[in-house]
Amino acid sequence: MMLVKIAFRNILRNGRRSLMTLSAIAAGAVAMILFGGFMGNIITGFQTTTVERTGHLTVYYSGYFTYGAGNPAAWGIHDYRAVLQLIRDDPVLQPMLNVVTPTVTLYGIAGNFDIDASKTFLGTGFIPSDRDRMRAWDEYGLFRDRIRPPFGMRDDDETVGVIGVGLARVLGLCESLKLGNCPPRPPTPATANADTSAAAEDFSDLAKGDVDPTQAARGAVPHIDLLAATAGGAPNVVTLNIARAELQGVKELDDAYVAMHFG
């Protein structure tokens, strides 16, 4: 008891020093609490985004991460329906399942030849209704007070997709997609190499040959042309109508992201 009295008297002996010490302790405690909350928000946000995009469990063909980037089609799971059914019937996983769905990844070149612009893209194909159910996962209540816009894709329409805001900016689709955070596009500098423009014309001719005859009547719909390899290795060009652009959070992904129907 005597030690407590001596300590208390020592605190009151120099009030200014004691006040500064208590202030330093309080500032440190507040900083730790704020930093802990910040880190907690980052971790839960990353976990939520990961579940939205890939789910809690993703099954790949053995060797996909080692060799699949060069030829995703060859390293895909060809009998994926049997694998999906195997997961659904698993007695351990079955009670925990909410969504079991296939996805496909591909790489290629996205172009908007109205302005002679093109960019390599990273494409992800999925079932839109399944992805919407995955996007509804909000275990930590991050979106409790915010209304998330619909993804803009339907199961019965394979011609519609979603792109990253950065890719929309690069391909000059800010105005047609009504994006307010895009800087005005400067005039395209003159091309020094004539062969480049010739290659662009060849690419645009391929794209025009793949457009549905009814596409002309839907000219107001923003669209891009995608060049990629088929499962057999041959190049193929398709036209993808763009429903909306969505910020991906990482610039490298945002500048290349294309979401499309699994079909």
C-alpha atoms as a PDB file:
ATOM      1  CA  MET A   1       0.000   0.000   0.000  1.00  0.00           C
ATOM      2  CA  MET A   2       2.865   2.358   0.827  1.00  0.00           C
ATOM      3  CA  LEU A   3       4.361   1.800  -2.653  1.00  0.00           C
ATOM      4  CA  VAL A   4       1.041   2.816  -4.258  1.00  0.00           C
ATOM      5  CA  LYS A   5       0.931   6.029  -2.243  1.00  0.00           C
ATOM      6  CA  ILE A   6       4.523   6.869  -3.152  1.00  0.00           C
ATOM      7  CA  ALA A   7       3.832   6.231  -6.853  1.00  0.00           C
ATOM      8  CA  PHE A   8       0.669   8.380  -6.750  1.00  0.00           C
ATOM      9  CA  ARG A   9       2.505  11.245  -5.047  1.00  0.00           C
ATOM     10  CA  ASN A  10       5.294  10.997  -7.632  1.00  0.00           C
ATOM     11  CA  ILE A  11       2.721  11.367 -10.435  1.00  0.00           C
ATOM     12  CA  LEU A  12       1.250  14.491  -8.874  1.00  0.00           C
ATOM     13  CA  ARG A  13       4.654  15.992  -8.073  1.00  0.00           C
ATOM     14  CA  ASN A  14       5.275  16.941 -11.720  1.00  0.00           C
ATOM     15  CA  GLY A  15       1.877  17.165 -13.370  1.00  0.00           C
ATOM     16  CA  ARG A  16       3.216  18.442 -16.689  1.00  0.00           C
ATOM     17  CA  ARG A  17       5.569  15.500 -17.122  1.00  0.00           C
ATOM     18  CA  SER A  18       2.857  13.034 -16.103  1.00  0.00           C
ATOM     19  CA  LEU A  19       0.390  14.599 -18.547  1.00  0.00           C
ATOM     20  CA  MET A  20       2.882  14.306 -21.414  1.00  0.00           C
ATOM     21  CA  THR A  21       3.557  10.666 -20.543  1.00  0.00           C
ATOM     22  CA  LEU A  22      -0.165   9.838 -20.444  1.00  0.00           C
ATOM     23  CA  SER A  23      -0.688  11.677 -23.751  1.00  0.00           C
ATOM     24  CA  ALA A  24       2.079   9.651 -25.413  1.00  0.00           C
ATOM     25  CA  ILE A  25       0.553   6.405 -24.113  1.00  0.00           C
ATOM     26  CA  ALA A  26      -2.921   7.455 -25.327  1.00  0.00           C
ATOM     27  CA  ALA A  27      -1.606   8.454 -28.780  1.00  0.00           C
ATOM     28  CA  GLY A  28       0.191   5.127 -29.127  1.00  0.00           C
ATOM     29  CA  ALA A  29      -2.919   3.201 -28.117  1.00  0.00           C
ATOM     30  CA  VAL A  30      -5.084   5.122 -30.605  1.00  0.00           C
ATOM     31  CA  ALA A  31      -2.527   4.552 -33.386  1.00  0.00           C
ATOM     32  CA  MET A  32      -2.454   0.810 -32.679  1.00  0.00           C
ATOM     33  CA  ILE A  33      -6.258   0.615 -32.712  1.00  0.00           C
ATOM     34  CA  LEU A  34      -6.529   2.580 -35.969  1.00  0.00           C
ATOM     35  CA  PHE A  35      -3.798   0.563 -37.692  1.00  0.00           C
ATOM     36  CA  GLY A  36      -5.362  -2.690 -36.471  1.00  0.00           C
ATOM     37  CA  GLY A  37      -8.733  -1.627 -37.886  1.00  0.00           C
ATOM     38  CA  PHE A  38      -7.123  -0.616 -41.175  1.00  0.00           C
ATOM     39  CA  MET A  39      -5.335  -3.956 -41.511  1.00  0.00           C
ATOM     40  CA  GLY A  40      -8.494  -5.829 -40.561  1.00  0.00           C
ATOM     41  CA  ASN A  41     -10.444  -4.012 -43.253  1.00  0.00           C
ATOM     42  CA  ILE A  42      -7.762  -4.745 -45.861  1.00  0.00           C
ATOM     43  CA  ILE A  43      -7.676  -8.454 -44.970  1.00  0.00           C
ATOM     44  CA  THR A  44     -11.459  -8.921 -44.913  1.00  0.00           C
ATOM     45  CA  GLY A  45     -11.805  -6.942 -48.155  1.00  0.00           C
ATOM     46  CA  PHE A  46      -9.186  -9.107 -49.855  1.00  0.00           C
ATOM     47  CA  GLN A  47     -10.862 -12.281 -48.602  1.00  0.00           C
ATOM     48  CA  THR A  48     -14.279 -11.096 -49.805  1.00  0.00           C
ATOM     49  CA  THR A  49     -12.940 -10.170 -53.252  1.00  0.00           C
ATOM     50  CA  THR A  50     -11.170 -13.527 -53.550  1.00  0.00           C
ATOM     51  CA  VAL A  51     -14.331 -15.464 -52.716  1.00  0.00           C
ATOM     52  CA  GLU A  52     -16.330 -13.359 -55.192  1.00  0.00           C
ATOM     53  CA  ARG A  53     -13.881 -14.092 -58.015  1.00  0.00           C
ATOM     54  CA  THR A  54     -12.713 -17.656 -57.375  1.00  0.00           C
ATOM     55  CA  GLY A  55     -14.689 -19.016 -54.432  1.00  0.00           C
ATOM     56  CA  HIS A  56     -13.279 -20.770 -51.384  1.00  0.00           C
ATOM     57  CA  LEU A  57     -12.055 -23.769 -53.378  1.00  0.00           C
ATOM     58  CA  THR A  58     -10.737 -23.844 -56.937  1.00  0.00           C
ATOM     59  CA  VAL A  59      -9.807 -27.020 -58.799  1.00  0.00           C
ATOM     60  CA  TYR A  60      -7.175 -26.901 -61.570  1.00  0.00           C
ATOM     61  CA  TYR A  61      -5.669 -29.524 -63.838  1.00  0.00           C
ATOM     62  CA  SER A  62      -2.296 -30.675 -62.503  1.00  0.00           C
ATOM     63  CA  GLY A  63       0.434 -28.589 -64.140  1.00  0.00           C
ATOM     64  CA  TYR A  64      -1.814 -25.649 -65.043  1.00  0.00           C
ATOM     65  CA  PHE A  65       0.151 -23.086 -63.023  1.00  0.00           C
ATOM     66  CA  THR A  66       3.445 -24.376 -64.383  1.00  0.00           C
ATOM     67  CA  TYR A  67       2.584 -24.696 -68.083  1.00  0.00           C
ATOM     68  CA  GLY A  68      -0.995 -23.484 -68.531  1.00  0.00           C
ATOM     69  CA  ALA A  69      -0.269 -19.800 -69.139  1.00  0.00           C
ATOM     70  CA  GLY A  70       1.092 -20.619 -72.600  1.00  0.00           C
ATOM     71  CA  ASN A  71      -1.925 -22.715 -73.625  1.00  0.00           C
ATOM     72  CA  PRO A  72      -4.866 -22.466 -71.192  1.00  0.00           C
ATOM     73  CA  ALA A  73      -7.180 -24.514 -73.407  1.00  0.00           C
ATOM     74  CA  ALA A  74      -4.870 -27.545 -73.430  1.00  0.00           C
ATOM     75  CA  TRP A  75      -4.440 -27.450 -69.655  1.00  0.00           C
ATOM     76  CA  GLY A  76      -8.106 -27.024 -68.852  1.00  0.00           C
ATOM     77  CA  ILE A  77     -10.332 -29.718 -67.348  1.00  0.00           C
ATOM     78  CA  HIS A  78     -12.058 -31.137 -70.414  1.00  0.00           C
ATOM     79  CA  ASP A  79     -14.530 -33.340 -68.510  1.00  0.00           C
ATOM     80  CA  TYR A  80     -15.365 -30.554 -66.072  1.00  0.00           C
ATOM     81  CA  ARG A  81     -18.990 -31.610 -65.657  1.00  0.00           C
ATOM     82  CA  ALA A  82     -17.892 -34.914 -64.091  1.00  0.00           C
ATOM     83  CA  VAL A  83     -15.591 -33.019 -61.716  1.00  0.00           C
ATOM     84  CA  LEU A  84     -18.409 -30.663 -60.730  1.00  0.00           C
ATOM     85  CA  GLN A  85     -20.690 -33.607 -60.017  1.00  0.00           C
ATOM     86  CA  LEU A  86     -17.942 -35.318 -58.004  1.00  0.00           C
ATOM     87  CA  ILE A  87     -17.643 -32.222 -55.809  1.00  0.00           C
ATOM     88  CA  ARG A  88     -21.420 -31.945 -55.398  1.00  0.00           C
ATOM     89  CA  ASP A  89     -21.651 -35.587 -54.308  1.00  0.00           C
ATOM     90  CA  ASP A  90     -18.750 -35.421 -51.847  1.00  0.00           C
ATOM     91  CA  PRO A  91     -20.180 -36.175 -48.361  1.00  0.00           C
ATOM     92  CA  VAL A  92     -17.762 -33.782 -46.622  1.00  0.00           C
ATOM     93  CA  LEU A  93     -18.095 -30.829 -49.020  1.00  0.00           C
ATOM     94  CA  GLN A  94     -21.807 -31.181 -49.795  1.00  0.00           C
ATOM     95  CA  PRO A  95     -23.145 -29.524 -46.591  1.00  0.00           C
ATOM     96  CA  MET A  96     -20.852 -26.518 -47.158  1.00  0.00           C
ATOM     97  CA  LEU A  97     -21.606 -25.913 -50.844  1.00  0.00           C
ATOM     98  CA  ASN A  98     -23.490 -22.869 -52.083  1.00  0.00           C
ATOM     99  CA  VAL A  99     -22.231 -22.527 -55.655  1.00  0.00           C
ATOM    100  CA  VAL A 100     -20.339 -25.042 -57.816  1.00  0.00           C
ATOM    101  CA  THR A 101     -19.553 -23.551 -61.208  1.00  0.00           C
ATOM    102  CA  PRO A 102     -17.011 -23.806 -64.082  1.00  0.00           C
ATOM    103  CA  THR A 103     -14.708 -20.999 -65.205  1.00  0.00           C
ATOM    104  CA  VAL A 104     -12.312 -20.623 -68.124  1.00  0.00           C
ATOM    105  CA  THR A 105      -9.351 -18.286 -68.648  1.00  0.00           C
ATOM    106  CA  LEU A 106      -7.921 -17.058 -71.950  1.00  0.00           C
ATOM    107  CA  TYR A 107      -5.499 -14.452 -73.247  1.00  0.00           C
ATOM    108  CA  GLY A 108      -5.489 -12.433 -76.443  1.00  0.00           C
ATOM    109  CA  ILE A 109      -5.824  -8.977 -77.974  1.00  0.00           C
ATOM    110  CA  ALA A 110      -8.808  -6.656 -77.491  1.00  0.00           C
ATOM    111  CA  GLY A 111      -9.354  -3.961 -80.094  1.00  0.00           C
ATOM    112  CA  ASN A 112     -11.552  -0.976 -80.809  1.00  0.00           C
ATOM    113  CA  PHE A 113     -10.841  -0.270 -84.446  1.00  0.00           C
ATOM    114  CA  ASP A 114     -13.079   2.779 -84.590  1.00  0.00           C
ATOM    115  CA  ILE A 115     -10.087   4.566 -83.038  1.00  0.00           C
ATOM    116  CA  ASP A 116      -7.361   2.046 -84.063  1.00  0.00           C
ATOM    117  CA  ALA A 117      -6.633   1.045 -80.461  1.00  0.00           C
ATOM    118  CA  SER A 118      -5.770  -2.415 -79.155  1.00  0.00           C
ATOM    119  CA  LYS A 119      -4.556  -3.973 -75.903  1.00  0.00           C
ATOM    120  CA  THR A 120      -3.665  -7.442 -74.646  1.00  0.00           C
ATOM    121  CA  PHE A 121      -6.411  -8.788 -72.388  1.00  0.00           C
ATOM    122  CA  LEU A 122      -6.945 -11.385 -69.689  1.00  0.00           C
ATOM    123  CA  GLY A 123     -10.359 -12.959 -70.163  1.00  0.00           C
ATOM    124  CA  THR A 124     -12.448 -14.902 -67.660  1.00  0.00           C
ATOM    125  CA  GLY A 125     -15.497 -16.883 -68.719  1.00  0.00           C
ATOM    126  CA  PHE A 126     -18.177 -17.904 -66.227  1.00  0.00           C
ATOM    127  CA  ILE A 127     -21.885 -18.588 -65.787  1.00  0.00           C
ATOM    128  CA  PRO A 128     -23.381 -15.126 -65.050  1.00  0.00           C
ATOM    129  CA  SER A 129     -26.064 -16.303 -62.605  1.00  0.00           C
ATOM    130  CA  ASP A 130     -23.498 -18.325 -60.640  1.00  0.00           C
ATOM    131  CA  ARG A 131     -21.106 -15.369 -60.493  1.00  0.00           C
ATOM    132  CA  ASP A 132     -23.926 -13.112 -59.255  1.00  0.00           C
ATOM    133  CA  ARG A 133     -24.545 -15.563 -56.404  1.00  0.00           C
ATOM    134  CA  MET A 134     -20.829 -15.551 -55.577  1.00  0.00           C
ATOM    135  CA  ARG A 135     -20.802 -11.745 -55.562  1.00  0.00           C
ATOM    136  CA  ALA A 136     -23.583 -11.808 -52.983  1.00  0.00           C
ATOM    137  CA  TRP A 137     -21.197 -13.380 -50.430  1.00  0.00           C
ATOM    138  CA  ASP A 138     -20.609 -10.782 -47.719  1.00  0.00           C
ATOM    139  CA  GLU A 139     -19.557 -12.659 -44.606  1.00  0.00           C
ATOM    140  CA  TYR A 140     -18.010  -9.566 -42.974  1.00  0.00           C
ATOM    141  CA  GLY A 141     -20.739  -7.066 -43.859  1.00  0.00           C
ATOM    142  CA  LEU A 142     -18.506  -4.884 -46.038  1.00  0.00           C
ATOM    143  CA  PHE A 143     -21.349  -4.021 -48.422  1.00  0.00           C
ATOM    144  CA  ARG A 144     -24.136  -3.913 -45.864  1.00  0.00           C
ATOM    145  CA  ASP A 145     -24.684  -0.173 -46.347  1.00  0.00           C
ATOM    146  CA  ARG A 146     -23.883  -0.075 -50.073  1.00  0.00           C
ATOM    147  CA  ILE A 147     -25.959  -1.229 -53.021  1.00  0.00           C
ATOM    148  CA  ARG A 148     -23.790  -3.147 -55.468  1.00  0.00           C
ATOM    149  CA  PRO A 149     -24.758  -2.696 -59.134  1.00  0.00           C
ATOM    150  CA  PRO A 150     -25.766  -5.813 -61.099  1.00  0.00           C
ATOM    151  CA  PHE A 151     -22.987  -7.428 -63.117  1.00  0.00           C
ATOM    152  CA  GLY A 152     -24.921  -6.769 -66.324  1.00  0.00           C
ATOM    153  CA  MET A 153     -24.682 -10.241 -67.897  1.00  0.00           C
ATOM    154  CA  ARG A 154     -27.337 -12.913 -68.498  1.00  0.00           C
ATOM    155  CA  ASP A 155     -27.202 -16.665 -68.918  1.00  0.00           C
ATOM    156  CA  ASP A 156     -29.166 -16.506 -72.167  1.00  0.00           C
ATOM    157  CA  ASP A 157     -26.924 -13.940 -73.906  1.00  0.00           C
ATOM    158  CA  GLU A 158     -23.363 -14.975 -74.745  1.00  0.00           C
ATOM    159  CA  THR A 159     -22.584 -11.748 -76.640  1.00  0.00           C
ATOM    160  CA  VAL A 160     -22.398  -9.431 -73.594  1.00  0.00           C
ATOM    161  CA  GLY A 161     -19.436  -8.921 -71.269  1.00  0.00           C
ATOM    162  CA  VAL A 162     -17.873  -6.587 -68.719  1.00  0.00           C
ATOM    163  CA  ILE A 163     -14.423  -4.965 -68.876  1.00  0.00           C
ATOM    164  CA  GLY A 164     -12.145  -3.144 -66.478  1.00  0.00           C
ATOM    165  CA  VAL A 165     -12.285   0.647 -66.283  1.00  0.00           C
ATOM    166  CA  GLY A 166      -8.638   0.845 -67.348  1.00  0.00           C
ATOM    167  CA  LEU A 167      -9.270  -1.229 -70.470  1.00  0.00           C
ATOM    168  CA  ALA A 168     -12.286   0.941 -71.285  1.00  0.00           C
ATOM    169  CA  ARG A 169     -10.054   4.000 -71.024  1.00  0.00           C
ATOM    170  CA  VAL A 170      -7.330   2.507 -73.224  1.00  0.00           C
ATOM    171  CA  LEU A 171      -9.847   1.468 -75.894  1.00  0.00           C
ATOM    172  CA  GLY A 172     -11.670   4.808 -75.865  1.00  0.00           C
ATOM    173  CA  LEU A 173     -14.992   3.601 -74.434  1.00  0.00           C
ATOM    174  CA  CYS A 174     -15.302   6.089 -71.571  1.00  0.00           C
ATOM    175  CA  GLU A 175     -17.904   8.228 -73.279  1.00  0.00           C
ATOM    176  CA  SER A 176     -20.049   5.375 -74.596  1.00  0.00           C
ATOM    177  CA  LEU A 177     -19.979   3.628 -71.191  1.00  0.00           C
ATOM    178  CA  LYS A 178     -20.619   6.940 -69.386  1.00  0.00           C
ATOM    179  CA  LEU A 179     -17.549   6.721 -67.155  1.00  0.00           C
ATOM    180  CA  GLY A 180     -16.993   9.947 -65.289  1.00  0.00           C
ATOM    181  CA  ASN A 181     -13.476   9.298 -64.007  1.00  0.00           C
ATOM    182  CA  CYS A 182     -11.721   9.024 -67.377  1.00  0.00           C
ATOM    183  CA  PRO A 183      -9.489  11.863 -68.616  1.00  0.00           C
ATOM    184  CA  PRO A 184     -10.229  13.166 -72.112  1.00  0.00           C
ATOM    185  CA  ARG A 185      -8.491  11.148 -74.795  1.00  0.00           C
ATOM    186  CA  PRO A 186      -5.767  13.126 -76.623  1.00  0.00           C
ATOM    187  CA  PRO A 187      -5.504  12.990 -80.422  1.00  0.00           C
ATOM    188  CA  THR A 188      -3.823   9.828 -81.670  1.00  0.00           C
ATOM    189  CA  PRO A 189      -0.276  10.618 -82.849  1.00  0.00           C
ATOM    190  CA  ALA A 190       0.549   9.898 -86.472  1.00  0.00           C
ATOM    191  CA  THR A 191       1.875   6.388 -87.049  1.00  0.00           C
ATOM    192  CA  ALA A 192       5.404   6.368 -88.425  1.00  0.00           C
ATOM    193  CA  ASN A 193       5.226   2.802 -89.700  1.00  0.00           C
ATOM    194  CA  ALA A 194       2.686   2.239 -92.476  1.00  0.00           C
ATOM    195  CA  ASP A 195       2.766  -1.540 -91.918  1.00  0.00           C
ATOM    196  CA  THR A 196       1.118  -1.052 -88.510  1.00  0.00           C
ATOM    197  CA  SER A 197      -1.984   0.550 -90.015  1.00  0.00           C
ATOM    198  CA  ALA A 198      -2.128  -2.200 -92.617  1.00  0.00           C
ATOM    199  CA  ALA A 199      -2.089  -4.830 -89.887  1.00  0.00           C
ATOM    200  CA  ALA A 200      -4.899  -3.002 -88.116  1.00  0.00           C
ATOM    201  CA  GLU A 201      -6.980  -3.036 -91.281  1.00  0.00           C
ATOM    202  CA  ASP A 202      -6.444  -6.778 -91.649  1.00  0.00           C
ATOM    203  CA  PHE A 203      -7.516  -7.318 -88.035  1.00  0.00           C
ATOM    204  CA  SER A 204     -10.607  -5.146 -88.464  1.00  0.00           C
ATOM    205  CA  ASP A 205     -11.566  -7.053 -91.619  1.00  0.00           C
ATOM    206  CA  LEU A 206     -11.414 -10.298 -89.645  1.00  0.00           C
ATOM    207  CA  ALA A 207     -13.585  -8.782 -86.941  1.00  0.00           C
ATOM    208  CA  LYS A 208     -16.155  -7.468 -89.422  1.00  0.00           C
ATOM    209  CA  GLY A 209     -16.457 -10.926 -90.927  1.00  0.00           C
ATOM    210  CA  ASP A 210     -17.487 -12.325 -87.559  1.00  0.00           C
ATOM    211  CA  VAL A 211     -20.105  -9.676 -86.716  1.00  0.00           C
ATOM    212  CA  ASP A 212     -23.709 -10.816 -86.689  1.00  0.00           C
ATOM    213  CA  PRO A 213     -25.806  -9.162 -89.469  1.00  0.00           C
ATOM    214  CA  THR A 214     -28.061  -7.655 -86.802  1.00  0.00           C
ATOM    215  CA  GLN A 215     -25.069  -5.963 -85.171  1.00  0.00           C
ATOM    216  CA  ALA A 216     -25.341  -2.952 -87.469  1.00  0.00           C
ATOM    217  CA  ALA A 217     -28.764  -2.187 -86.034  1.00  0.00           C
ATOM    218  CA  ARG A 218     -27.200  -2.162 -82.552  1.00  0.00           C
ATOM    219  CA  GLY A 219     -24.418   0.225 -83.484  1.00  0.00           C
ATOM    220  CA  ALA A 220     -25.042   2.315 -80.369  1.00  0.00           C
ATOM    221  CA  VAL A 221     -24.017  -0.598 -78.126  1.00  0.00           C
ATOM    222  CA  PRO A 222     -20.359  -0.291 -77.033  1.00  0.00           C
ATOM    223  CA  HIS A 223     -18.387  -3.265 -78.281  1.00  0.00           C
ATOM    224  CA  ILE A 224     -14.837  -4.522 -78.749  1.00  0.00           C
ATOM    225  CA  ASP A 225     -13.269  -7.191 -80.920  1.00  0.00           C
ATOM    226  CA  LEU A 226     -11.359 -10.022 -79.245  1.00  0.00           C
ATOM    227  CA  LEU A 227      -8.631 -12.043 -80.926  1.00  0.00           C
ATOM    228  CA  ALA A 228      -7.577 -15.278 -79.188  1.00  0.00           C
ATOM    229  CA  ALA A 229      -6.693 -18.875 -79.973  1.00  0.00           C
ATOM    230  CA  THR A 230      -9.335 -21.586 -80.011  1.00  0.00           C
ATOM    231  CA  ALA A 231      -8.925 -24.907 -78.188  1.00  0.00           C
ATOM    232  CA  GLY A 232      -7.433 -26.270 -81.408  1.00  0.00           C
ATOM    233  CA  GLY A 233      -4.851 -23.483 -81.593  1.00  0.00           C
ATOM    234  CA  ALA A 234      -6.338 -21.534 -84.515  1.00  0.00           C
ATOM    235  CA  PRO A 235      -6.873 -17.759 -84.152  1.00  0.00           C
ATOM    236  CA  ASN A 236     -10.446 -16.582 -83.817  1.00  0.00           C
ATOM    237  CA  VAL A 237     -12.047 -13.125 -83.636  1.00  0.00           C
ATOM    238  CA  VAL A 238     -15.368 -12.413 -81.941  1.00  0.00           C
ATOM    239  CA  THR A 239     -17.266  -9.232 -81.140  1.00  0.00           C
ATOM    240  CA  LEU A 240     -18.204  -8.645 -77.499  1.00  0.00           C
ATOM    241  CA  ASN A 241     -20.858  -6.121 -76.527  1.00  0.00           C
ATOM    242  CA  ILE A 242     -19.924  -4.279 -73.331  1.00  0.00           C
ATOM    243  CA  ALA A 243     -22.600  -3.929 -70.667  1.00  0.00           C
ATOM    244  CA  ARG A 244     -20.489  -1.883 -68.258  1.00  0.00           C
ATOM    245  CA  ALA A 245     -16.983  -1.266 -66.941  1.00  0.00           C
ATOM    246  CA  GLU A 246     -16.023  -2.205 -63.400  1.00  0.00           C
ATOM    247  CA  LEU A 247     -12.984  -1.083 -61.420  1.00  0.00           C
ATOM    248  CA  GLN A 248     -10.785  -4.074 -60.509  1.00  0.00           C
ATOM    249  CA  GLY A 249      -8.692  -2.463 -57.765  1.00  0.00           C
ATOM    250  CA  VAL A 250      -5.308  -3.387 -59.301  1.00  0.00           C
ATOM    251  CA  LYS A 251      -4.161  -1.286 -62.264  1.00  0.00           C
ATOM    252  CA  GLU A 252      -2.497  -4.140 -64.151  1.00  0.00           C
ATOM    253  CA  LEU A 253      -5.689  -6.217 -63.940  1.00  0.00           C
ATOM    254  CA  ASP A 254      -7.969  -3.238 -64.533  1.00  0.00           C
ATOM    255  CA  ASP A 255      -6.139  -2.435 -67.795  1.00  0.00           C
ATOM    256  CA  ALA A 256      -6.622  -5.978 -69.138  1.00  0.00           C
ATOM    257  CA  TYR A 257      -9.755  -7.462 -67.544  1.00  0.00           C
ATOM    258  CA  VAL A 258     -12.508  -8.906 -69.745  1.00  0.00           C
ATOM    259  CA  ALA A 259     -15.388 -10.899 -68.242  1.00  0.00           C
ATOM    260  CA  MET A 260     -17.484 -12.945 -70.668  1.00  0.00           C
ATOM    261  CA  HIS A 261     -20.049 -15.691 -70.779  1.00  0.00           C
ATOM    262  CA  PHE A 262     -18.659 -19.201 -70.253  1.00  0.00           C
ATOM    263  CA  GLY A 263     -20.145 -20.292 -73.574  1.00  0.00           C
END
